[in-house]
Amino acid sequence: MVNRAVKQLQEVLEAERKAICSADFDSLADLAQSKAQIFAAFAHSDPDLDQIAKVNRQFAENQTLLAAAIAGVKTARDRIALLQKVRDELGVYDQNGQMANAATPHPGLEKKA
């Protein structure tokens, strides 16, 4: 028999999974508060081992998804920074054969052909 606290926790974890998968990161803060409150009730609800295992799997899945989302955001930020560097600097070799950066001017207006 699934008690109410277990069912509520599973529902919040499922909502959290959906939010992560749809990149709705703004709703995660509200879900975290709900999860903390329900988890306190869950701890006092005397769940059986099967219920604990199911909730643990949901926690682990959400943690994996969140780690992947964080890694994706980090990769995107790194890529944007690299593209900005390429846009702002021109890598050239100096007379000694060493790599040097030549600043590229950014005119206010660009003339298009």
N, C-alpha and C. Protein backbone atom coordinates (compact mmCIF):
# COMPACT_ATOMS: atom_id res chain seq x y z
N MET A 1 0.83 -1.17 0.00
CA MET A 1 0.00 0.00 0.00
C MET A 1 0.89 1.25 0.00
N VAL A 2 0.65 2.14 -0.93
CA VAL A 2 1.43 3.36 -1.03
C VAL A 2 0.75 4.42 -0.16
N ASN A 3 1.50 4.93 0.80
CA ASN A 3 0.89 5.94 1.66
C ASN A 3 0.92 7.30 0.96
N ARG A 4 0.23 8.26 1.54
CA ARG A 4 0.04 9.56 0.91
C ARG A 4 1.35 10.32 0.72
N ALA A 5 2.24 10.28 1.71
CA ALA A 5 3.51 10.99 1.62
C ALA A 5 4.37 10.43 0.49
N VAL A 6 4.37 9.12 0.36
CA VAL A 6 5.15 8.48 -0.72
C VAL A 6 4.60 8.90 -2.08
N LYS A 7 3.28 8.85 -2.21
CA LYS A 7 2.65 9.23 -3.48
C LYS A 7 2.93 10.70 -3.81
N GLN A 8 2.83 11.58 -2.83
CA GLN A 8 3.12 13.00 -3.07
C GLN A 8 4.57 13.22 -3.47
N LEU A 9 5.48 12.53 -2.80
CA LEU A 9 6.90 12.67 -3.13
C LEU A 9 7.18 12.18 -4.54
N GLN A 10 6.56 11.06 -4.92
CA GLN A 10 6.75 10.55 -6.28
C GLN A 10 6.19 11.52 -7.32
N GLU A 11 5.06 12.15 -7.01
CA GLU A 11 4.48 13.12 -7.94
C GLU A 11 5.38 14.34 -8.09
N VAL A 12 5.94 14.82 -6.99
CA VAL A 12 6.84 15.98 -7.06
C VAL A 12 8.11 15.62 -7.83
N LEU A 13 8.63 14.43 -7.60
CA LEU A 13 9.83 14.00 -8.32
C LEU A 13 9.55 13.85 -9.82
N GLU A 14 8.36 13.40 -10.16
CA GLU A 14 7.98 13.30 -11.58
C GLU A 14 7.84 14.70 -12.19
N ALA A 15 7.26 15.62 -11.45
CA ALA A 15 7.15 17.01 -11.94
C ALA A 15 8.54 17.62 -12.10
N GLU A 16 9.44 17.30 -11.19
CA GLU A 16 10.82 17.79 -11.28
C GLU A 16 11.50 17.23 -12.52
N ARG A 17 11.30 15.95 -12.80
CA ARG A 17 11.88 15.32 -13.98
C ARG A 17 11.38 16.00 -15.25
N LYS A 18 10.08 16.26 -15.31
CA LYS A 18 9.51 16.91 -16.48
C LYS A 18 10.06 18.33 -16.64
N ALA A 19 10.22 19.03 -15.53
CA ALA A 19 10.76 20.40 -15.59
C ALA A 19 12.20 20.39 -16.11
N ILE A 20 13.00 19.44 -15.64
CA ILE A 20 14.39 19.34 -16.10
C ILE A 20 14.43 19.01 -17.59
N CYS A 21 13.62 18.05 -18.00
CA CYS A 21 13.62 17.63 -19.41
C CYS A 21 13.12 18.72 -20.34
N SER A 22 12.25 19.60 -19.85
CA SER A 22 11.74 20.67 -20.70
C SER A 22 12.48 21.99 -20.48
N ALA A 23 13.58 21.94 -19.71
CA ALA A 23 14.43 23.10 -19.42
C ALA A 23 13.65 24.21 -18.71
N ASP A 24 12.68 23.84 -17.90
CA ASP A 24 11.90 24.80 -17.11
C ASP A 24 12.57 24.92 -15.74
N PHE A 25 13.76 25.49 -15.72
CA PHE A 25 14.56 25.54 -14.50
C PHE A 25 14.01 26.52 -13.47
N ASP A 26 13.19 27.46 -13.91
CA ASP A 26 12.60 28.41 -12.98
C ASP A 26 11.66 27.73 -11.98
N SER A 27 11.01 26.67 -12.39
CA SER A 27 10.06 25.99 -11.50
C SER A 27 10.75 25.05 -10.51
N LEU A 28 12.04 24.81 -10.68
CA LEU A 28 12.74 23.88 -9.79
C LEU A 28 12.82 24.39 -8.36
N ALA A 29 12.90 25.69 -8.16
CA ALA A 29 12.98 26.23 -6.79
C ALA A 29 11.69 25.93 -6.02
N ASP A 30 10.55 26.14 -6.67
CA ASP A 30 9.27 25.83 -6.01
C ASP A 30 9.15 24.34 -5.74
N LEU A 31 9.57 23.54 -6.70
CA LEU A 31 9.51 22.09 -6.52
C LEU A 31 10.44 21.64 -5.39
N ALA A 32 11.57 22.29 -5.24
CA ALA A 32 12.51 21.94 -4.17
C ALA A 32 11.89 22.20 -2.80
N GLN A 33 11.16 23.30 -2.67
CA GLN A 33 10.49 23.59 -1.41
C GLN A 33 9.42 22.53 -1.11
N SER A 34 8.62 22.21 -2.12
CA SER A 34 7.60 21.18 -1.95
C SER A 34 8.23 19.84 -1.60
N LYS A 35 9.31 19.54 -2.30
CA LYS A 35 10.00 18.27 -2.08
C LYS A 35 10.53 18.18 -0.65
N ALA A 36 11.07 19.26 -0.12
CA ALA A 36 11.61 19.26 1.25
C ALA A 36 10.50 19.04 2.26
N GLN A 37 9.36 19.69 2.07
CA GLN A 37 8.25 19.52 3.00
C GLN A 37 7.70 18.10 2.95
N ILE A 38 7.51 17.60 1.76
CA ILE A 38 6.96 16.24 1.60
C ILE A 38 7.96 15.20 2.08
N PHE A 39 9.24 15.46 1.85
CA PHE A 39 10.25 14.50 2.28
C PHE A 39 10.27 14.37 3.80
N ALA A 40 10.02 15.46 4.51
CA ALA A 40 9.94 15.40 5.98
C ALA A 40 8.78 14.49 6.39
N ALA A 41 7.64 14.62 5.73
CA ALA A 41 6.50 13.74 6.02
C ALA A 41 6.81 12.30 5.62
N PHE A 42 7.51 12.15 4.50
CA PHE A 42 7.90 10.82 4.02
C PHE A 42 8.76 10.10 5.05
N ALA A 43 9.68 10.82 5.67
CA ALA A 43 10.58 10.21 6.65
C ALA A 43 9.81 9.67 7.86
N HIS A 44 8.67 10.29 8.19
CA HIS A 44 7.88 9.86 9.34
C HIS A 44 6.73 8.94 8.95
N SER A 45 6.63 8.58 7.69
CA SER A 45 5.48 7.79 7.23
C SER A 45 5.72 6.29 7.26
N ASP A 46 6.91 5.89 7.65
CA ASP A 46 7.26 4.47 7.74
C ASP A 46 7.07 3.74 6.41
N PRO A 47 7.76 4.19 5.35
CA PRO A 47 7.64 3.52 4.04
C PRO A 47 8.35 2.17 4.07
N ASP A 48 7.89 1.27 3.21
CA ASP A 48 8.57 -0.03 3.13
C ASP A 48 9.76 0.08 2.19
N LEU A 49 10.55 -0.96 2.13
CA LEU A 49 11.79 -0.94 1.33
C LEU A 49 11.53 -0.74 -0.16
N ASP A 50 10.44 -1.32 -0.66
CA ASP A 50 10.11 -1.16 -2.08
C ASP A 50 9.80 0.30 -2.41
N GLN A 51 9.06 0.96 -1.54
CA GLN A 51 8.74 2.37 -1.75
C GLN A 51 10.00 3.23 -1.68
N ILE A 52 10.86 2.93 -0.74
CA ILE A 52 12.12 3.67 -0.61
C ILE A 52 12.96 3.48 -1.87
N ALA A 53 13.01 2.25 -2.38
CA ALA A 53 13.80 1.98 -3.58
C ALA A 53 13.27 2.75 -4.79
N LYS A 54 11.94 2.83 -4.94
CA LYS A 54 11.35 3.56 -6.06
C LYS A 54 11.67 5.05 -5.97
N VAL A 55 11.52 5.61 -4.77
CA VAL A 55 11.82 7.02 -4.59
C VAL A 55 13.30 7.29 -4.82
N ASN A 56 14.14 6.38 -4.35
CA ASN A 56 15.59 6.53 -4.54
C ASN A 56 15.94 6.52 -6.03
N ARG A 57 15.29 5.66 -6.81
CA ARG A 57 15.53 5.62 -8.25
C ARG A 57 15.12 6.95 -8.90
N GLN A 58 14.00 7.50 -8.47
CA GLN A 58 13.56 8.78 -9.02
C GLN A 58 14.55 9.89 -8.67
N PHE A 59 15.00 9.91 -7.42
CA PHE A 59 16.01 10.89 -7.02
C PHE A 59 17.27 10.75 -7.88
N ALA A 60 17.74 9.52 -8.07
CA ALA A 60 18.96 9.28 -8.84
C ALA A 60 18.78 9.70 -10.30
N GLU A 61 17.62 9.40 -10.87
CA GLU A 61 17.36 9.78 -12.27
C GLU A 61 17.35 11.30 -12.41
N ASN A 62 16.68 11.98 -11.49
CA ASN A 62 16.63 13.44 -11.55
C ASN A 62 18.01 14.05 -11.36
N GLN A 63 18.80 13.46 -10.48
CA GLN A 63 20.16 13.95 -10.25
C GLN A 63 20.99 13.80 -11.53
N THR A 64 20.86 12.68 -12.20
CA THR A 64 21.58 12.45 -13.45
C THR A 64 21.14 13.44 -14.52
N LEU A 65 19.83 13.65 -14.63
CA LEU A 65 19.32 14.60 -15.62
C LEU A 65 19.80 16.02 -15.32
N LEU A 66 19.78 16.40 -14.06
CA LEU A 66 20.22 17.74 -13.69
C LEU A 66 21.71 17.92 -13.95
N ALA A 67 22.50 16.91 -13.66
CA ALA A 67 23.94 16.98 -13.93
C ALA A 67 24.19 17.12 -15.43
N ALA A 68 23.42 16.41 -16.25
CA ALA A 68 23.56 16.51 -17.70
C ALA A 68 23.15 17.90 -18.19
N ALA A 69 22.09 18.46 -17.60
CA ALA A 69 21.65 19.80 -17.98
C ALA A 69 22.72 20.83 -17.61
N ILE A 70 23.30 20.70 -16.44
CA ILE A 70 24.35 21.63 -16.01
C ILE A 70 25.56 21.52 -16.93
N ALA A 71 25.93 20.29 -17.29
CA ALA A 71 27.06 20.09 -18.20
C ALA A 71 26.76 20.71 -19.57
N GLY A 72 25.52 20.58 -20.03
CA GLY A 72 25.13 21.16 -21.31
C GLY A 72 25.21 22.68 -21.30
N VAL A 73 24.76 23.28 -20.21
CA VAL A 73 24.83 24.73 -20.09
C VAL A 73 26.29 25.19 -20.04
N LYS A 74 27.12 24.46 -19.31
CA LYS A 74 28.54 24.80 -19.22
C LYS A 74 29.20 24.71 -20.60
N THR A 75 28.89 23.66 -21.34
CA THR A 75 29.45 23.50 -22.68
C THR A 75 29.00 24.63 -23.60
N ALA A 76 27.74 25.01 -23.50
CA ALA A 76 27.23 26.11 -24.32
C ALA A 76 27.92 27.42 -23.96
N ARG A 77 28.11 27.67 -22.67
CA ARG A 77 28.79 28.90 -22.24
C ARG A 77 30.23 28.92 -22.74
N ASP A 78 30.91 27.77 -22.66
CA ASP A 78 32.28 27.69 -23.14
C ASP A 78 32.34 27.95 -24.65
N ARG A 79 31.38 27.41 -25.37
CA ARG A 79 31.34 27.59 -26.83
C ARG A 79 31.08 29.05 -27.19
N ILE A 80 30.17 29.69 -26.47
CA ILE A 80 29.88 31.11 -26.72
C ILE A 80 31.12 31.95 -26.43
N ALA A 81 31.81 31.65 -25.33
CA ALA A 81 33.03 32.40 -24.99
C ALA A 81 34.08 32.22 -26.08
N LEU A 82 34.22 31.01 -26.60
CA LEU A 82 35.17 30.76 -27.67
C LEU A 82 34.79 31.53 -28.94
N LEU A 83 33.51 31.54 -29.27
CA LEU A 83 33.07 32.29 -30.45
C LEU A 83 33.29 33.79 -30.28
N GLN A 84 33.08 34.30 -29.07
CA GLN A 84 33.34 35.71 -28.83
C GLN A 84 34.83 36.02 -28.96
N LYS A 85 35.67 35.10 -28.48
CA LYS A 85 37.11 35.31 -28.59
C LYS A 85 37.53 35.32 -30.06
N VAL A 86 36.99 34.41 -30.84
CA VAL A 86 37.31 34.36 -32.26
C VAL A 86 36.84 35.64 -32.95
N ARG A 87 35.70 36.14 -32.55
CA ARG A 87 35.17 37.36 -33.15
C ARG A 87 36.02 38.57 -32.78
N ASP A 88 36.52 38.60 -31.54
CA ASP A 88 37.25 39.77 -31.05
C ASP A 88 38.74 39.75 -31.36
N GLU A 89 39.32 38.59 -31.60
CA GLU A 89 40.76 38.51 -31.82
C GLU A 89 41.06 37.68 -33.06
N LEU A 90 42.14 38.05 -33.70
CA LEU A 90 42.61 37.31 -34.86
C LEU A 90 43.95 36.69 -34.49
N GLY A 91 44.04 35.38 -34.53
CA GLY A 91 45.29 34.69 -34.21
C GLY A 91 46.22 34.72 -35.41
N VAL A 92 47.40 35.28 -35.22
CA VAL A 92 48.41 35.37 -36.29
C VAL A 92 49.75 34.93 -35.73
N TYR A 93 50.69 34.68 -36.63
CA TYR A 93 52.06 34.37 -36.23
C TYR A 93 52.91 35.61 -36.39
N ASP A 94 53.74 35.90 -35.42
CA ASP A 94 54.63 37.06 -35.53
C ASP A 94 55.88 36.69 -36.31
N GLN A 95 56.83 37.62 -36.41
CA GLN A 95 58.03 37.38 -37.19
C GLN A 95 58.91 36.27 -36.62
N ASN A 96 58.73 35.93 -35.33
CA ASN A 96 59.49 34.86 -34.70
C ASN A 96 58.78 33.51 -34.78
N GLY A 97 57.64 33.48 -35.42
CA GLY A 97 56.90 32.23 -35.54
C GLY A 97 56.05 31.91 -34.32
N GLN A 98 55.90 32.87 -33.42
CA GLN A 98 55.08 32.67 -32.22
C GLN A 98 53.66 33.16 -32.48
N MET A 99 52.71 32.48 -31.85
CA MET A 99 51.32 32.88 -32.00
C MET A 99 51.09 34.20 -31.27
N ALA A 100 50.43 35.12 -31.93
CA ALA A 100 50.11 36.42 -31.35
C ALA A 100 48.67 36.76 -31.72
N ASN A 101 48.07 37.61 -30.93
CA ASN A 101 46.71 38.03 -31.20
C ASN A 101 46.72 39.43 -31.80
N ALA A 102 45.97 39.58 -32.85
CA ALA A 102 45.79 40.89 -33.46
C ALA A 102 44.34 41.29 -33.23
N ALA A 103 44.16 42.42 -32.57
CA ALA A 103 42.80 42.88 -32.29
C ALA A 103 42.08 43.19 -33.59
N THR A 104 40.82 42.87 -33.64
CA THR A 104 40.02 43.18 -34.82
C THR A 104 39.07 44.31 -34.47
N PRO A 105 39.11 45.37 -35.26
CA PRO A 105 38.22 46.50 -34.97
C PRO A 105 36.77 46.14 -35.30
N HIS A 106 35.87 46.70 -34.53
CA HIS A 106 34.44 46.50 -34.76
C HIS A 106 33.82 47.84 -35.10
N PRO A 107 33.69 48.14 -36.39
CA PRO A 107 33.09 49.41 -36.76
C PRO A 107 31.63 49.45 -36.35
N GLY A 108 31.15 50.66 -36.11
CA GLY A 108 29.75 50.82 -35.74
C GLY A 108 28.80 50.40 -36.85
N LEU A 109 29.22 50.60 -38.08
CA LEU A 109 28.41 50.23 -39.22
C LEU A 109 29.19 49.26 -40.10
N GLU A 110 28.51 48.29 -40.59
CA GLU A 110 29.14 47.36 -41.53
C GLU A 110 28.55 47.58 -42.90
N LYS A 111 29.44 47.65 -43.87
CA LYS A 111 28.97 47.82 -45.25
C LYS A 111 28.78 46.44 -45.85
N LYS A 112 27.59 46.19 -46.30
CA LYS A 112 27.27 44.90 -46.92
C LYS A 112 27.30 45.05 -48.44
N ALA A 113 27.80 44.04 -49.09
CA ALA A 113 27.89 44.09 -50.55
C ALA A 113 26.54 43.89 -51.19
